[in-house]
Amino acid sequence: GMLLNDKKVYVGRFVTRKERMETLGLPATRFTNIYVKNIGDANLSDEEFQQLFEPYGKIVICVIMKDDGGKSRGFGFVSYETHEAAIKAVDALNGSEVKTCKLYVARAQKKH
């Protein structure tokens, strides 16, 4: 370090956010919420949707998004108690077929 305005200053190499996340043990990948789309044509009931995700771990909340008339908007969210359960569900169900619909299952991204 060196003194700048009588304060000791440390200058280090610039580290991108991605690199910081990797060195800090990847908090960015410790997700529990997953996003599911392409379920519109399957006409799944809320119960069927939940049953699809139950084998992978304890579910906190499971919801199919619906329009004002109560009709499925073709996507939903599942929130698991643990990160491990969410990863298992994504690995097992992404690209799988349910009632002729090829599911897209991935980590839910936060809207900024």
N, C-alpha and C. Protein backbone atom coordinates (compact mmCIF):
# COMPACT_ATOMS: atom_id res chain seq x y z
N GLY A 1 0.82 -1.19 0.00
CA GLY A 1 0.00 0.00 0.00
C GLY A 1 0.86 1.25 0.00
N MET A 2 0.18 2.38 -0.13
CA MET A 2 0.86 3.67 -0.10
C MET A 2 -0.04 4.67 0.59
N LEU A 3 0.50 5.82 0.92
CA LEU A 3 -0.29 6.84 1.59
C LEU A 3 -0.90 7.79 0.57
N LEU A 4 -2.17 8.06 0.74
CA LEU A 4 -2.88 9.01 -0.11
C LEU A 4 -3.72 9.86 0.83
N ASN A 5 -3.44 11.17 0.90
CA ASN A 5 -4.11 12.04 1.88
C ASN A 5 -3.99 11.48 3.30
N ASP A 6 -2.76 11.04 3.63
CA ASP A 6 -2.45 10.48 4.95
C ASP A 6 -3.22 9.20 5.29
N LYS A 7 -3.83 8.53 4.28
CA LYS A 7 -4.51 7.26 4.53
C LYS A 7 -3.79 6.19 3.74
N LYS A 8 -3.65 5.02 4.35
CA LYS A 8 -3.00 3.92 3.66
C LYS A 8 -3.98 3.35 2.63
N VAL A 9 -3.54 3.22 1.40
CA VAL A 9 -4.41 2.77 0.32
C VAL A 9 -3.85 1.50 -0.28
N TYR A 10 -4.72 0.54 -0.54
CA TYR A 10 -4.30 -0.69 -1.21
C TYR A 10 -4.89 -0.68 -2.61
N VAL A 11 -4.08 -0.92 -3.59
CA VAL A 11 -4.56 -0.98 -4.97
C VAL A 11 -4.37 -2.40 -5.47
N GLY A 12 -5.47 -3.02 -5.86
CA GLY A 12 -5.40 -4.40 -6.34
C GLY A 12 -5.90 -4.49 -7.77
N ARG A 13 -5.71 -5.67 -8.33
CA ARG A 13 -6.17 -5.92 -9.69
C ARG A 13 -7.70 -5.83 -9.73
N PHE A 14 -8.24 -5.28 -10.81
CA PHE A 14 -9.70 -5.22 -10.96
C PHE A 14 -10.25 -6.64 -11.08
N VAL A 15 -11.31 -6.91 -10.34
CA VAL A 15 -11.93 -8.23 -10.37
C VAL A 15 -13.38 -8.07 -10.81
N THR A 16 -13.77 -8.78 -11.84
CA THR A 16 -15.15 -8.68 -12.31
C THR A 16 -16.09 -9.32 -11.29
N ARG A 17 -17.35 -8.98 -11.39
CA ARG A 17 -18.33 -9.54 -10.47
C ARG A 17 -18.37 -11.07 -10.58
N LYS A 18 -18.26 -11.56 -11.81
CA LYS A 18 -18.29 -13.01 -12.03
C LYS A 18 -17.12 -13.68 -11.30
N GLU A 19 -15.92 -13.09 -11.42
CA GLU A 19 -14.75 -13.66 -10.75
C GLU A 19 -14.90 -13.61 -9.23
N ARG A 20 -15.47 -12.50 -8.73
CA ARG A 20 -15.71 -12.39 -7.28
C ARG A 20 -16.65 -13.49 -6.82
N MET A 21 -17.71 -13.72 -7.59
CA MET A 21 -18.69 -14.75 -7.22
C MET A 21 -18.01 -16.12 -7.17
N GLU A 22 -17.12 -16.37 -8.14
CA GLU A 22 -16.44 -17.67 -8.18
C GLU A 22 -15.51 -17.85 -6.99
N THR A 23 -14.79 -16.80 -6.61
CA THR A 23 -13.86 -16.94 -5.50
C THR A 23 -14.59 -16.95 -4.15
N LEU A 24 -15.79 -16.39 -4.12
CA LEU A 24 -16.54 -16.36 -2.86
C LEU A 24 -17.44 -17.59 -2.70
N GLY A 25 -17.24 -18.58 -3.50
CA GLY A 25 -18.04 -19.80 -3.34
C GLY A 25 -19.37 -19.74 -4.05
N LEU A 26 -19.46 -18.95 -5.10
CA LEU A 26 -20.63 -18.90 -5.96
C LEU A 26 -21.97 -18.68 -5.26
N PRO A 27 -22.13 -17.61 -4.50
CA PRO A 27 -23.46 -17.39 -3.94
C PRO A 27 -24.50 -17.19 -5.04
N ALA A 28 -24.06 -16.76 -6.21
CA ALA A 28 -24.98 -16.51 -7.31
C ALA A 28 -25.67 -17.79 -7.79
N THR A 29 -25.05 -18.94 -7.57
CA THR A 29 -25.66 -20.17 -8.08
C THR A 29 -26.46 -20.90 -7.00
N ARG A 30 -26.53 -20.35 -5.79
CA ARG A 30 -27.26 -21.05 -4.73
C ARG A 30 -28.74 -20.65 -4.79
N PHE A 31 -29.39 -21.06 -5.87
CA PHE A 31 -30.79 -20.69 -6.05
C PHE A 31 -31.73 -21.76 -5.52
N THR A 32 -32.94 -21.36 -5.18
CA THR A 32 -33.97 -22.32 -4.75
C THR A 32 -35.24 -22.14 -5.59
N ASN A 33 -35.31 -21.06 -6.37
CA ASN A 33 -36.50 -20.79 -7.19
C ASN A 33 -36.24 -21.16 -8.64
N ILE A 34 -37.20 -21.89 -9.22
CA ILE A 34 -37.06 -22.24 -10.63
C ILE A 34 -38.26 -21.77 -11.42
N TYR A 35 -38.00 -21.48 -12.69
CA TYR A 35 -38.98 -20.97 -13.63
C TYR A 35 -39.29 -22.09 -14.61
N VAL A 36 -40.57 -22.27 -14.90
CA VAL A 36 -40.99 -23.35 -15.79
C VAL A 36 -41.87 -22.75 -16.88
N LYS A 37 -41.51 -23.01 -18.16
CA LYS A 37 -42.39 -22.52 -19.22
C LYS A 37 -42.68 -23.62 -20.23
N ASN A 38 -43.51 -23.32 -21.20
CA ASN A 38 -44.00 -24.27 -22.21
C ASN A 38 -44.97 -25.27 -21.61
N ILE A 39 -45.72 -24.85 -20.60
CA ILE A 39 -46.69 -25.78 -19.99
C ILE A 39 -48.12 -25.46 -20.42
N GLY A 40 -48.30 -24.44 -21.27
CA GLY A 40 -49.64 -24.01 -21.66
C GLY A 40 -50.50 -25.10 -22.26
N ASP A 41 -49.95 -25.84 -23.23
CA ASP A 41 -50.75 -26.85 -23.93
C ASP A 41 -50.97 -28.11 -23.11
N ALA A 42 -50.21 -28.26 -22.02
CA ALA A 42 -50.36 -29.46 -21.21
C ALA A 42 -51.62 -29.40 -20.34
N ASN A 43 -52.16 -28.19 -20.14
CA ASN A 43 -53.35 -28.00 -19.30
C ASN A 43 -53.22 -28.71 -17.96
N LEU A 44 -52.09 -28.50 -17.29
CA LEU A 44 -51.86 -29.13 -16.00
C LEU A 44 -52.68 -28.42 -14.92
N SER A 45 -53.22 -29.22 -14.01
CA SER A 45 -53.87 -28.63 -12.85
C SER A 45 -52.74 -28.21 -11.90
N ASP A 46 -53.07 -27.39 -10.91
CA ASP A 46 -52.06 -26.99 -9.93
C ASP A 46 -51.48 -28.23 -9.24
N GLU A 47 -52.35 -29.22 -8.98
CA GLU A 47 -51.90 -30.44 -8.31
C GLU A 47 -50.93 -31.23 -9.20
N GLU A 48 -51.27 -31.36 -10.48
CA GLU A 48 -50.39 -32.09 -11.41
C GLU A 48 -49.04 -31.39 -11.54
N PHE A 49 -49.08 -30.07 -11.58
CA PHE A 49 -47.85 -29.28 -11.68
C PHE A 49 -46.97 -29.55 -10.47
N GLN A 50 -47.59 -29.52 -9.28
CA GLN A 50 -46.82 -29.76 -8.06
C GLN A 50 -46.28 -31.19 -8.01
N GLN A 51 -47.10 -32.15 -8.43
CA GLN A 51 -46.67 -33.56 -8.41
C GLN A 51 -45.45 -33.79 -9.30
N LEU A 52 -45.34 -33.01 -10.35
CA LEU A 52 -44.22 -33.10 -11.27
C LEU A 52 -42.90 -32.76 -10.56
N PHE A 53 -42.96 -31.82 -9.62
CA PHE A 53 -41.75 -31.31 -8.97
C PHE A 53 -41.49 -31.89 -7.58
N GLU A 54 -42.49 -32.54 -6.99
CA GLU A 54 -42.35 -33.08 -5.64
C GLU A 54 -41.24 -34.11 -5.46
N PRO A 55 -40.97 -34.97 -6.45
CA PRO A 55 -39.95 -36.00 -6.23
C PRO A 55 -38.54 -35.45 -5.95
N TYR A 56 -38.30 -34.18 -6.23
CA TYR A 56 -36.94 -33.64 -6.15
C TYR A 56 -36.63 -32.95 -4.84
N GLY A 57 -37.64 -32.73 -4.01
CA GLY A 57 -37.37 -32.11 -2.72
C GLY A 57 -38.59 -31.40 -2.17
N LYS A 58 -38.44 -30.87 -0.97
CA LYS A 58 -39.56 -30.21 -0.30
C LYS A 58 -39.84 -28.86 -0.97
N ILE A 59 -41.09 -28.68 -1.41
CA ILE A 59 -41.50 -27.46 -2.11
C ILE A 59 -42.06 -26.46 -1.11
N VAL A 60 -41.61 -25.22 -1.22
CA VAL A 60 -42.12 -24.14 -0.38
C VAL A 60 -43.38 -23.56 -1.02
N ILE A 61 -43.28 -23.25 -2.31
CA ILE A 61 -44.44 -22.74 -3.05
C ILE A 61 -44.33 -23.18 -4.50
N CYS A 62 -45.47 -23.43 -5.10
CA CYS A 62 -45.52 -23.95 -6.46
C CYS A 62 -46.73 -23.29 -7.12
N VAL A 63 -46.51 -22.55 -8.20
CA VAL A 63 -47.64 -21.80 -8.77
C VAL A 63 -47.56 -21.74 -10.29
N ILE A 64 -48.73 -21.96 -10.92
CA ILE A 64 -48.85 -21.75 -12.36
C ILE A 64 -49.43 -20.34 -12.50
N MET A 65 -48.79 -19.50 -13.29
CA MET A 65 -49.28 -18.14 -13.46
C MET A 65 -50.54 -18.17 -14.33
N LYS A 66 -51.56 -17.42 -13.91
CA LYS A 66 -52.84 -17.43 -14.63
C LYS A 66 -53.27 -16.01 -14.99
N ASP A 67 -54.06 -15.92 -16.05
CA ASP A 67 -54.59 -14.61 -16.43
C ASP A 67 -55.80 -14.28 -15.55
N ASP A 68 -56.40 -13.12 -15.77
CA ASP A 68 -57.53 -12.70 -14.92
C ASP A 68 -58.71 -13.67 -14.98
N GLY A 69 -58.82 -14.40 -16.08
CA GLY A 69 -59.91 -15.36 -16.21
C GLY A 69 -59.58 -16.73 -15.62
N GLY A 70 -58.40 -16.87 -15.01
CA GLY A 70 -58.02 -18.13 -14.39
C GLY A 70 -57.38 -19.13 -15.35
N LYS A 71 -57.12 -18.68 -16.59
CA LYS A 71 -56.51 -19.57 -17.58
C LYS A 71 -54.98 -19.51 -17.44
N SER A 72 -54.33 -20.68 -17.58
CA SER A 72 -52.88 -20.76 -17.48
C SER A 72 -52.21 -19.86 -18.51
N ARG A 73 -51.19 -19.14 -18.06
CA ARG A 73 -50.42 -18.28 -18.98
C ARG A 73 -49.24 -19.05 -19.59
N GLY A 74 -49.15 -20.35 -19.29
CA GLY A 74 -48.14 -21.18 -19.93
C GLY A 74 -46.81 -21.25 -19.20
N PHE A 75 -46.75 -20.62 -18.00
CA PHE A 75 -45.51 -20.72 -17.23
C PHE A 75 -45.82 -20.68 -15.74
N GLY A 76 -44.83 -21.07 -14.95
CA GLY A 76 -45.02 -21.07 -13.51
C GLY A 76 -43.68 -21.05 -12.78
N PHE A 77 -43.78 -21.08 -11.47
CA PHE A 77 -42.59 -21.04 -10.63
C PHE A 77 -42.69 -22.09 -9.54
N VAL A 78 -41.53 -22.64 -9.17
CA VAL A 78 -41.47 -23.59 -8.07
C VAL A 78 -40.34 -23.13 -7.17
N SER A 79 -40.63 -23.03 -5.88
CA SER A 79 -39.61 -22.64 -4.92
C SER A 79 -39.37 -23.81 -3.98
N TYR A 80 -38.12 -24.25 -3.93
CA TYR A 80 -37.75 -25.38 -3.07
C TYR A 80 -37.13 -24.88 -1.77
N GLU A 81 -37.13 -25.76 -0.78
CA GLU A 81 -36.51 -25.43 0.50
C GLU A 81 -34.98 -25.41 0.36
N THR A 82 -34.45 -26.28 -0.51
CA THR A 82 -32.99 -26.35 -0.64
C THR A 82 -32.53 -26.13 -2.07
N HIS A 83 -31.32 -25.63 -2.18
CA HIS A 83 -30.66 -25.41 -3.46
C HIS A 83 -30.48 -26.74 -4.19
N GLU A 84 -30.13 -27.79 -3.46
CA GLU A 84 -29.89 -29.10 -4.06
C GLU A 84 -31.15 -29.64 -4.76
N ALA A 85 -32.30 -29.43 -4.14
CA ALA A 85 -33.56 -29.89 -4.73
C ALA A 85 -33.84 -29.14 -6.03
N ALA A 86 -33.59 -27.84 -6.02
CA ALA A 86 -33.83 -27.02 -7.22
C ALA A 86 -32.94 -27.48 -8.37
N ILE A 87 -31.67 -27.76 -8.07
CA ILE A 87 -30.74 -28.23 -9.11
C ILE A 87 -31.20 -29.58 -9.67
N LYS A 88 -31.62 -30.48 -8.78
CA LYS A 88 -32.08 -31.80 -9.22
C LYS A 88 -33.28 -31.68 -10.15
N ALA A 89 -34.22 -30.80 -9.80
CA ALA A 89 -35.43 -30.62 -10.61
C ALA A 89 -35.08 -30.05 -11.98
N VAL A 90 -34.19 -29.05 -12.02
CA VAL A 90 -33.78 -28.45 -13.29
C VAL A 90 -33.10 -29.51 -14.16
N ASP A 91 -32.16 -30.26 -13.57
CA ASP A 91 -31.44 -31.30 -14.32
C ASP A 91 -32.38 -32.36 -14.87
N ALA A 92 -33.35 -32.76 -14.04
CA ALA A 92 -34.23 -33.87 -14.43
C ALA A 92 -35.33 -33.43 -15.40
N LEU A 93 -35.86 -32.23 -15.22
CA LEU A 93 -37.06 -31.87 -15.97
C LEU A 93 -36.85 -30.94 -17.16
N ASN A 94 -35.74 -30.22 -17.21
CA ASN A 94 -35.53 -29.34 -18.36
C ASN A 94 -35.43 -30.18 -19.64
N GLY A 95 -36.26 -29.87 -20.62
CA GLY A 95 -36.25 -30.62 -21.87
C GLY A 95 -37.11 -31.87 -21.85
N SER A 96 -37.69 -32.19 -20.68
CA SER A 96 -38.54 -33.38 -20.61
C SER A 96 -39.91 -33.05 -21.20
N GLU A 97 -40.65 -34.10 -21.56
CA GLU A 97 -41.97 -33.89 -22.15
C GLU A 97 -43.06 -34.24 -21.16
N VAL A 98 -44.05 -33.35 -21.09
CA VAL A 98 -45.22 -33.60 -20.25
C VAL A 98 -46.44 -33.32 -21.12
N LYS A 99 -47.24 -34.34 -21.36
CA LYS A 99 -48.42 -34.20 -22.21
C LYS A 99 -48.06 -33.49 -23.52
N THR A 100 -47.05 -33.96 -24.20
CA THR A 100 -46.55 -33.46 -25.49
C THR A 100 -45.91 -32.06 -25.45
N CYS A 101 -45.77 -31.48 -24.28
CA CYS A 101 -45.11 -30.18 -24.16
C CYS A 101 -43.67 -30.40 -23.69
N LYS A 102 -42.72 -29.83 -24.43
CA LYS A 102 -41.32 -29.94 -24.02
C LYS A 102 -41.05 -28.82 -23.02
N LEU A 103 -40.79 -29.19 -21.78
CA LEU A 103 -40.63 -28.20 -20.71
C LEU A 103 -39.31 -27.46 -20.78
N TYR A 104 -39.37 -26.20 -20.41
CA TYR A 104 -38.17 -25.40 -20.18
C TYR A 104 -38.14 -25.15 -18.68
N VAL A 105 -37.13 -25.67 -18.00
CA VAL A 105 -37.02 -25.53 -16.55
C VAL A 105 -35.64 -24.97 -16.24
N ALA A 106 -35.59 -23.82 -15.57
CA ALA A 106 -34.31 -23.20 -15.28
C ALA A 106 -34.39 -22.36 -14.01
N ARG A 107 -33.23 -21.91 -13.57
CA ARG A 107 -33.18 -21.01 -12.42
C ARG A 107 -34.02 -19.77 -12.72
N ALA A 108 -34.85 -19.36 -11.77
CA ALA A 108 -35.65 -18.16 -11.95
C ALA A 108 -34.72 -16.95 -11.83
N GLN A 109 -34.76 -16.07 -12.82
CA GLN A 109 -33.94 -14.86 -12.79
C GLN A 109 -34.71 -13.77 -12.08
N LYS A 110 -34.02 -13.01 -11.27
CA LYS A 110 -34.67 -11.89 -10.59
C LYS A 110 -34.87 -10.76 -11.60
N LYS A 111 -36.04 -10.14 -11.56
CA LYS A 111 -36.27 -8.99 -12.46
C LYS A 111 -35.64 -7.77 -11.82
N HIS A 112 -34.86 -7.03 -12.60
CA HIS A 112 -34.22 -5.85 -12.06
C HIS A 112 -34.97 -4.61 -12.47
